[in-house]
Amino acid sequence: MSVDHEEFADGEAPAEKVTDVSGTGVPVRGNDIDTDQIIPARFMKVVTFDGLGQFSFFDQRFDDEDNEKDHPFNDDRYRDANVLVVNANFGCGSSREHAPQALMRWGIDAVVGESFAEIFAGNCLALGIPTVTASAEEIGRLQSHVEEHPDAEIEIDVENEEIRYADRVVDADVNEAQRKALVEGVWDTTALMAANREAVEEVARSLPYVPDEHVPGERGSGDDAGDEA
């Protein structure tokens, strides 16, 4: 499995450019799979997201006595899969960012489906995880192919909006704002702000409700004050 990060010169982009994801797939069938199914609320009482991966689809994977159910995430054939293949309206319901965080920590690098809840797709983007769509017919064909050939390589070309596997090339769709952010390496908003420190400071200084001592880089503020002491 791999996520191809295009090389770029220092200062060109604040985050890695996600242009291509490849690996094996894991099919999770069903429409309207919401974020509570992806990560039940009782597992969200954590200080950090570390360790959330083991709780992905927990209530679909285990019964009340913690016995395993029949679920793709329990199937050893998909143990190392990093491309999740789903159906329509995946990630609906609560806007919890824990859902893509859990999937990422399970090992998912990209999600392919018929459609996604908008907030879920946005939360995936914040982690550099592409959410790629294709027709219901193509998604069903891909899910069946993965079920029959769990070791089959799947390549997701984010930049050119294609899904390739076996001898098939599928026309896919990546939301243009998402595609641009991933391909240009501007999907990480924290890194983007850090890379534009001067602009952030300029805006902060222009806001009448931000005291000078709270403007990053100003004398008497934050770490700079400690340096002057």
C-alpha atoms as a PDB file:
ATOM      1  CA  MET A   1       0.000   0.000   0.000  1.00  0.00           C
ATOM      2  CA  SER A   2       1.209   3.533  -0.604  1.00  0.00           C
ATOM      3  CA  VAL A   3       0.258   7.154  -0.700  1.00  0.00           C
ATOM      4  CA  ASP A   4       2.245   9.037  -3.287  1.00  0.00           C
ATOM      5  CA  HIS A   5       3.395  12.441  -2.091  1.00  0.00           C
ATOM      6  CA  GLU A   6       4.826  14.554  -4.843  1.00  0.00           C
ATOM      7  CA  GLU A   7       8.121  16.254  -4.082  1.00  0.00           C
ATOM      8  CA  PHE A   8       8.130  20.033  -3.860  1.00  0.00           C
ATOM      9  CA  ALA A   9      10.605  22.757  -3.068  1.00  0.00           C
ATOM     10  CA  ASP A  10      10.889  24.228   0.403  1.00  0.00           C
ATOM     11  CA  GLY A  11       8.237  26.870   0.949  1.00  0.00           C
ATOM     12  CA  GLU A  12       6.135  25.786  -2.034  1.00  0.00           C
ATOM     13  CA  ALA A  13       3.414  24.078  -0.003  1.00  0.00           C
ATOM     14  CA  PRO A  14       2.851  23.681   3.749  1.00  0.00           C
ATOM     15  CA  ALA A  15       1.684  20.043   3.550  1.00  0.00           C
ATOM     16  CA  GLU A  16       2.525  17.001   1.464  1.00  0.00           C
ATOM     17  CA  LYS A  17       0.833  16.783  -1.924  1.00  0.00           C
ATOM     18  CA  VAL A  18      -1.516  13.802  -2.044  1.00  0.00           C
ATOM     19  CA  THR A  19      -1.669  12.945  -5.733  1.00  0.00           C
ATOM     20  CA  ASP A  20      -2.158   9.174  -5.710  1.00  0.00           C
ATOM     21  CA  VAL A  21      -3.205   6.443  -3.292  1.00  0.00           C
ATOM     22  CA  SER A  22      -2.716   2.762  -3.993  1.00  0.00           C
ATOM     23  CA  GLY A  23      -3.213  -0.449  -2.077  1.00  0.00           C
ATOM     24  CA  THR A  24      -5.794  -3.134  -1.439  1.00  0.00           C
ATOM     25  CA  GLY A  25      -9.437  -2.545  -0.658  1.00  0.00           C
ATOM     26  CA  VAL A  26     -11.975  -3.360   2.015  1.00  0.00           C
ATOM     27  CA  PRO A  27     -15.661  -3.254   0.963  1.00  0.00           C
ATOM     28  CA  VAL A  28     -18.249  -2.069   3.482  1.00  0.00           C
ATOM     29  CA  ARG A  29     -21.660  -2.319   1.872  1.00  0.00           C
ATOM     30  CA  GLY A  30     -24.749  -0.322   2.798  1.00  0.00           C
ATOM     31  CA  ASN A  31     -26.210   3.134   2.300  1.00  0.00           C
ATOM     32  CA  ASP A  32     -26.462   5.825   4.987  1.00  0.00           C
ATOM     33  CA  ILE A  33     -23.741   4.417   7.231  1.00  0.00           C
ATOM     34  CA  ASP A  34     -23.496   7.189   9.797  1.00  0.00           C
ATOM     35  CA  THR A  35     -20.642   8.349  11.977  1.00  0.00           C
ATOM     36  CA  ASP A  36     -22.091   6.633  15.053  1.00  0.00           C
ATOM     37  CA  GLN A  37     -21.658   3.320  13.245  1.00  0.00           C
ATOM     38  CA  ILE A  38     -18.133   4.278  12.201  1.00  0.00           C
ATOM     39  CA  ILE A  39     -17.148   5.204  15.769  1.00  0.00           C
ATOM     40  CA  PRO A  40     -19.735   4.821  18.581  1.00  0.00           C
ATOM     41  CA  ALA A  41     -20.043   7.861  20.843  1.00  0.00           C
ATOM     42  CA  ARG A  42     -18.922   6.033  23.985  1.00  0.00           C
ATOM     43  CA  PHE A  43     -15.406   5.719  22.541  1.00  0.00           C
ATOM     44  CA  MET A  44     -15.085   9.463  22.004  1.00  0.00           C
ATOM     45  CA  LYS A  45     -14.320  10.251  25.656  1.00  0.00           C
ATOM     46  CA  VAL A  46     -10.620  10.547  24.996  1.00  0.00           C
ATOM     47  CA  VAL A  47      -8.058  13.312  25.328  1.00  0.00           C
ATOM     48  CA  THR A  48      -6.380  12.463  22.012  1.00  0.00           C
ATOM     49  CA  PHE A  49      -7.384  10.468  18.954  1.00  0.00           C
ATOM     50  CA  ASP A  50      -4.678   7.871  19.590  1.00  0.00           C
ATOM     51  CA  GLY A  51      -6.040   4.336  19.774  1.00  0.00           C
ATOM     52  CA  LEU A  52      -9.394   5.115  18.139  1.00  0.00           C
ATOM     53  CA  GLY A  53      -8.655   2.817  15.210  1.00  0.00           C
ATOM     54  CA  GLN A  54      -9.444  -0.354  17.162  1.00  0.00           C
ATOM     55  CA  PHE A  55     -12.985   0.902  17.763  1.00  0.00           C
ATOM     56  CA  SER A  56     -13.855   1.475  14.087  1.00  0.00           C
ATOM     57  CA  PHE A  57     -17.291  -0.050  13.329  1.00  0.00           C
ATOM     58  CA  PHE A  58     -17.190  -1.596  16.813  1.00  0.00           C
ATOM     59  CA  ASP A  59     -20.917  -2.257  17.211  1.00  0.00           C
ATOM     60  CA  GLN A  60     -21.080  -3.738  13.715  1.00  0.00           C
ATOM     61  CA  ARG A  61     -18.082  -5.963  14.458  1.00  0.00           C
ATOM     62  CA  PHE A  62     -18.987  -7.268  17.938  1.00  0.00           C
ATOM     63  CA  ASP A  63     -22.120  -8.291  19.828  1.00  0.00           C
ATOM     64  CA  ASP A  64     -22.907  -7.410  23.448  1.00  0.00           C
ATOM     65  CA  GLU A  65     -20.634 -10.221  24.662  1.00  0.00           C
ATOM     66  CA  ASP A  66     -17.770  -8.977  22.462  1.00  0.00           C
ATOM     67  CA  ASN A  67     -18.111 -11.938  20.102  1.00  0.00           C
ATOM     68  CA  GLU A  68     -17.084 -11.164  16.542  1.00  0.00           C
ATOM     69  CA  LYS A  69     -19.793 -10.598  13.950  1.00  0.00           C
ATOM     70  CA  ASP A  70     -19.478 -11.071  10.220  1.00  0.00           C
ATOM     71  CA  HIS A  71     -17.979  -7.745   9.138  1.00  0.00           C
ATOM     72  CA  PRO A  72     -15.257  -6.857   6.615  1.00  0.00           C
ATOM     73  CA  PHE A  73     -13.142  -5.193   9.320  1.00  0.00           C
ATOM     74  CA  ASN A  74     -13.012  -8.575  11.076  1.00  0.00           C
ATOM     75  CA  ASP A  75     -12.041 -10.435   7.913  1.00  0.00           C
ATOM     76  CA  ASP A  76      -8.358 -11.343   7.779  1.00  0.00           C
ATOM     77  CA  ARG A  77      -8.445 -11.054   4.000  1.00  0.00           C
ATOM     78  CA  TYR A  78      -8.725  -7.281   4.378  1.00  0.00           C
ATOM     79  CA  ARG A  79      -6.411  -6.927   7.355  1.00  0.00           C
ATOM     80  CA  ASP A  80      -3.899  -4.675   5.572  1.00  0.00           C
ATOM     81  CA  ALA A  81      -6.350  -2.873   3.270  1.00  0.00           C
ATOM     82  CA  ASN A  82      -6.030   0.892   3.052  1.00  0.00           C
ATOM     83  CA  VAL A  83      -8.752   1.764   0.505  1.00  0.00           C
ATOM     84  CA  LEU A  84     -12.278   1.712   1.935  1.00  0.00           C
ATOM     85  CA  VAL A  85     -15.004   1.100  -0.675  1.00  0.00           C
ATOM     86  CA  VAL A  86     -18.499   2.183   0.421  1.00  0.00           C
ATOM     87  CA  ASN A  87     -21.898   3.071  -0.995  1.00  0.00           C
ATOM     88  CA  ALA A  88     -24.180   6.114  -0.782  1.00  0.00           C
ATOM     89  CA  ASN A  89     -24.258   8.897   1.826  1.00  0.00           C
ATOM     90  CA  PHE A  90     -21.392   7.452   3.817  1.00  0.00           C
ATOM     91  CA  GLY A  91     -20.486   9.408   6.956  1.00  0.00           C
ATOM     92  CA  CYS A  92     -23.890  11.007   7.474  1.00  0.00           C
ATOM     93  CA  GLY A  93     -25.309  11.907  10.882  1.00  0.00           C
ATOM     94  CA  SER A  94     -23.154  13.549  13.530  1.00  0.00           C
ATOM     95  CA  SER A  95     -20.336  15.760  12.320  1.00  0.00           C
ATOM     96  CA  ARG A  96     -17.841  14.100  14.705  1.00  0.00           C
ATOM     97  CA  GLU A  97     -14.298  14.304  13.411  1.00  0.00           C
ATOM     98  CA  HIS A  98     -13.542  11.130  15.361  1.00  0.00           C
ATOM     99  CA  ALA A  99     -14.981   9.091  12.460  1.00  0.00           C
ATOM    100  CA  PRO A 100     -12.243   9.790   9.895  1.00  0.00           C
ATOM    101  CA  GLN A 101      -9.694   9.904  12.716  1.00  0.00           C
ATOM    102  CA  ALA A 102     -10.640   6.327  13.651  1.00  0.00           C
ATOM    103  CA  LEU A 103     -10.546   5.151  10.044  1.00  0.00           C
ATOM    104  CA  MET A 104      -7.137   6.745   9.511  1.00  0.00           C
ATOM    105  CA  ARG A 105      -5.787   5.038  12.612  1.00  0.00           C
ATOM    106  CA  TRP A 106      -7.187   1.732  11.403  1.00  0.00           C
ATOM    107  CA  GLY A 107      -5.074   2.217   8.282  1.00  0.00           C
ATOM    108  CA  ILE A 108      -7.401   3.810   5.733  1.00  0.00           C
ATOM    109  CA  ASP A 109      -5.692   6.225   3.323  1.00  0.00           C
ATOM    110  CA  ALA A 110      -8.601   6.857   0.926  1.00  0.00           C
ATOM    111  CA  VAL A 111     -12.349   6.262   0.744  1.00  0.00           C
ATOM    112  CA  VAL A 112     -14.161   5.486  -2.497  1.00  0.00           C
ATOM    113  CA  GLY A 113     -17.950   5.515  -2.661  1.00  0.00           C
ATOM    114  CA  GLU A 114     -21.132   6.633  -4.378  1.00  0.00           C
ATOM    115  CA  SER A 115     -21.502   9.749  -2.215  1.00  0.00           C
ATOM    116  CA  PHE A 116     -20.391  11.201   1.106  1.00  0.00           C
ATOM    117  CA  ALA A 117     -21.864  13.463   3.753  1.00  0.00           C
ATOM    118  CA  GLU A 118     -20.313  16.882   3.191  1.00  0.00           C
ATOM    119  CA  ILE A 119     -18.935  17.369   6.712  1.00  0.00           C
ATOM    120  CA  PHE A 120     -17.463  13.876   6.766  1.00  0.00           C
ATOM    121  CA  ALA A 121     -15.685  14.566   3.473  1.00  0.00           C
ATOM    122  CA  GLY A 122     -14.391  17.845   4.898  1.00  0.00           C
ATOM    123  CA  ASN A 123     -13.078  16.107   8.013  1.00  0.00           C
ATOM    124  CA  CYS A 124     -11.329  13.547   5.801  1.00  0.00           C
ATOM    125  CA  LEU A 125      -9.730  16.334   3.791  1.00  0.00           C
ATOM    126  CA  ALA A 126      -8.330  17.848   6.992  1.00  0.00           C
ATOM    127  CA  LEU A 127      -6.397  14.578   7.421  1.00  0.00           C
ATOM    128  CA  GLY A 128      -5.274  14.313   3.802  1.00  0.00           C
ATOM    129  CA  ILE A 129      -7.688  11.450   3.073  1.00  0.00           C
ATOM    130  CA  PRO A 130      -9.327  11.674  -0.386  1.00  0.00           C
ATOM    131  CA  THR A 131     -13.046  10.904  -0.661  1.00  0.00           C
ATOM    132  CA  VAL A 132     -13.571   9.843  -4.259  1.00  0.00           C
ATOM    133  CA  THR A 133     -16.930   9.165  -5.889  1.00  0.00           C
ATOM    134  CA  ALA A 134     -18.059   7.055  -8.836  1.00  0.00           C
ATOM    135  CA  SER A 135     -21.379   5.739 -10.112  1.00  0.00           C
ATOM    136  CA  ALA A 136     -23.353   3.169  -8.131  1.00  0.00           C
ATOM    137  CA  GLU A 137     -22.715   0.635 -10.888  1.00  0.00           C
ATOM    138  CA  GLU A 138     -18.943   1.168 -10.804  1.00  0.00           C
ATOM    139  CA  ILE A 139     -18.791   1.091  -7.009  1.00  0.00           C
ATOM    140  CA  GLY A 140     -20.762  -2.158  -6.909  1.00  0.00           C
ATOM    141  CA  ARG A 141     -18.439  -3.661  -9.501  1.00  0.00           C
ATOM    142  CA  LEU A 142     -15.390  -2.578  -7.499  1.00  0.00           C
ATOM    143  CA  GLN A 143     -16.793  -3.982  -4.246  1.00  0.00           C
ATOM    144  CA  SER A 144     -17.474  -7.323  -5.917  1.00  0.00           C
ATOM    145  CA  HIS A 145     -13.992  -7.360  -7.411  1.00  0.00           C
ATOM    146  CA  VAL A 146     -12.432  -6.711  -3.995  1.00  0.00           C
ATOM    147  CA  GLU A 147     -14.537  -9.461  -2.419  1.00  0.00           C
ATOM    148  CA  GLU A 148     -13.396 -11.916  -5.090  1.00  0.00           C
ATOM    149  CA  HIS A 149      -9.797 -10.679  -5.207  1.00  0.00           C
ATOM    150  CA  PRO A 150      -8.910  -9.208  -1.781  1.00  0.00           C
ATOM    151  CA  ASP A 151      -5.238  -8.895  -2.745  1.00  0.00           C
ATOM    152  CA  ALA A 152      -6.000  -6.934  -5.916  1.00  0.00           C
ATOM    153  CA  GLU A 153      -4.220  -3.589  -6.230  1.00  0.00           C
ATOM    154  CA  ILE A 154      -6.383  -0.485  -6.485  1.00  0.00           C
ATOM    155  CA  GLU A 155      -4.918   2.817  -7.651  1.00  0.00           C
ATOM    156  CA  ILE A 156      -6.688   6.094  -6.996  1.00  0.00           C
ATOM    157  CA  ASP A 157      -5.400   8.913  -9.162  1.00  0.00           C
ATOM    158  CA  VAL A 158      -6.553  11.994  -7.276  1.00  0.00           C
ATOM    159  CA  GLU A 159      -5.104  14.489  -9.713  1.00  0.00           C
ATOM    160  CA  ASN A 160      -6.638  12.924 -12.848  1.00  0.00           C
ATOM    161  CA  GLU A 161      -9.773  11.640 -11.109  1.00  0.00           C
ATOM    162  CA  GLU A 162      -9.482   7.989 -12.028  1.00  0.00           C
ATOM    163  CA  ILE A 163      -9.741   4.658 -10.230  1.00  0.00           C
ATOM    164  CA  ARG A 164      -7.718   1.844 -11.746  1.00  0.00           C
ATOM    165  CA  TYR A 165      -7.782  -1.853 -10.911  1.00  0.00           C
ATOM    166  CA  ALA A 166      -7.281  -5.065 -12.868  1.00  0.00           C
ATOM    167  CA  ASP A 167      -7.577  -3.897 -16.489  1.00  0.00           C
ATOM    168  CA  ARG A 168     -10.291  -1.348 -15.734  1.00  0.00           C
ATOM    169  CA  VAL A 169     -10.083   2.452 -15.638  1.00  0.00           C
ATOM    170  CA  VAL A 170     -13.028   4.148 -13.921  1.00  0.00           C
ATOM    171  CA  ASP A 171     -13.936   7.792 -14.362  1.00  0.00           C
ATOM    172  CA  ALA A 172     -14.201   9.157 -10.844  1.00  0.00           C
ATOM    173  CA  ASP A 173     -14.939  12.501  -9.263  1.00  0.00           C
ATOM    174  CA  VAL A 174     -13.065  14.410  -6.591  1.00  0.00           C
ATOM    175  CA  ASN A 175     -14.661  17.617  -5.345  1.00  0.00           C
ATOM    176  CA  GLU A 176     -12.688  20.352  -7.068  1.00  0.00           C
ATOM    177  CA  ALA A 177     -11.839  22.200  -3.860  1.00  0.00           C
ATOM    178  CA  GLN A 178     -10.673  18.942  -2.289  1.00  0.00           C
ATOM    179  CA  ARG A 179      -8.697  17.895  -5.352  1.00  0.00           C
ATOM    180  CA  LYS A 180      -6.949  21.271  -5.509  1.00  0.00           C
ATOM    181  CA  ALA A 181      -6.117  21.203  -1.790  1.00  0.00           C
ATOM    182  CA  LEU A 182      -4.696  17.676  -1.929  1.00  0.00           C
ATOM    183  CA  VAL A 183      -2.768  18.051  -5.177  1.00  0.00           C
ATOM    184  CA  GLU A 184      -1.337  21.448  -4.243  1.00  0.00           C
ATOM    185  CA  GLY A 185      -0.554  20.446  -0.652  1.00  0.00           C
ATOM    186  CA  VAL A 186      -2.770  23.007   1.072  1.00  0.00           C
ATOM    187  CA  TRP A 187      -5.168  20.613   2.823  1.00  0.00           C
ATOM    188  CA  ASP A 188      -3.635  21.008   6.298  1.00  0.00           C
ATOM    189  CA  THR A 189      -5.050  24.313   7.585  1.00  0.00           C
ATOM    190  CA  THR A 190      -2.771  24.381  10.626  1.00  0.00           C
ATOM    191  CA  ALA A 191       0.308  23.967   8.450  1.00  0.00           C
ATOM    192  CA  LEU A 192      -1.109  26.535   6.030  1.00  0.00           C
ATOM    193  CA  MET A 193      -1.400  29.127   8.782  1.00  0.00           C
ATOM    194  CA  ALA A 194       2.075  28.332  10.092  1.00  0.00           C
ATOM    195  CA  ALA A 195       3.497  28.780   6.595  1.00  0.00           C
ATOM    196  CA  ASN A 196       1.839  32.205   6.360  1.00  0.00           C
ATOM    197  CA  ARG A 197       2.832  33.587   9.730  1.00  0.00           C
ATOM    198  CA  GLU A 198       3.362  37.144   8.491  1.00  0.00           C
ATOM    199  CA  ALA A 199      -0.091  37.277   6.921  1.00  0.00           C
ATOM    200  CA  VAL A 200      -1.657  35.910  10.122  1.00  0.00           C
ATOM    201  CA  GLU A 201       0.149  38.537  12.191  1.00  0.00           C
ATOM    202  CA  GLU A 202      -0.934  41.298   9.801  1.00  0.00           C
ATOM    203  CA  VAL A 203      -4.588  40.287  10.044  1.00  0.00           C
ATOM    204  CA  ALA A 204      -4.350  39.999  13.838  1.00  0.00           C
ATOM    205  CA  ARG A 205      -2.902  43.527  14.069  1.00  0.00           C
ATOM    206  CA  SER A 206      -5.762  44.860  11.948  1.00  0.00           C
ATOM    207  CA  LEU A 207      -8.457  43.495  14.254  1.00  0.00           C
ATOM    208  CA  PRO A 208      -9.520  46.096  16.843  1.00  0.00           C
ATOM    209  CA  TYR A 209     -10.450  43.459  19.417  1.00  0.00           C
ATOM    210  CA  VAL A 210      -7.013  41.748  19.427  1.00  0.00           C
ATOM    211  CA  PRO A 211      -4.638  43.431  21.938  1.00  0.00           C
ATOM    212  CA  ASP A 212      -1.072  43.967  20.724  1.00  0.00           C
ATOM    213  CA  GLU A 213       0.275  41.562  23.331  1.00  0.00           C
ATOM    214  CA  HIS A 214      -1.841  38.784  21.795  1.00  0.00           C
ATOM    215  CA  VAL A 215      -0.498  39.256  18.280  1.00  0.00           C
ATOM    216  CA  PRO A 216       2.089  36.546  17.448  1.00  0.00           C
ATOM    217  CA  GLY A 217       5.535  38.051  17.125  1.00  0.00           C
ATOM    218  CA  GLU A 218       4.727  41.282  18.924  1.00  0.00           C
ATOM    219  CA  ARG A 219       6.914  42.411  21.841  1.00  0.00           C
ATOM    220  CA  GLY A 220       5.569  41.199  25.151  1.00  0.00           C
ATOM    221  CA  SER A 221       3.497  38.372  23.650  1.00  0.00           C
ATOM    222  CA  GLY A 222       3.776  34.604  24.117  1.00  0.00           C
ATOM    223  CA  ASP A 223       7.136  32.994  23.491  1.00  0.00           C
ATOM    224  CA  ASP A 224       8.720  36.247  22.302  1.00  0.00           C
ATOM    225  CA  ALA A 225       8.128  37.778  25.722  1.00  0.00           C
ATOM    226  CA  GLY A 226      10.013  34.924  27.309  1.00  0.00           C
ATOM    227  CA  ASP A 227      12.912  35.475  24.896  1.00  0.00           C
ATOM    228  CA  GLU A 228      13.140  39.124  25.943  1.00  0.00           C
ATOM    229  CA  ALA A 229      13.153  38.334  29.668  1.00  0.00           C
END
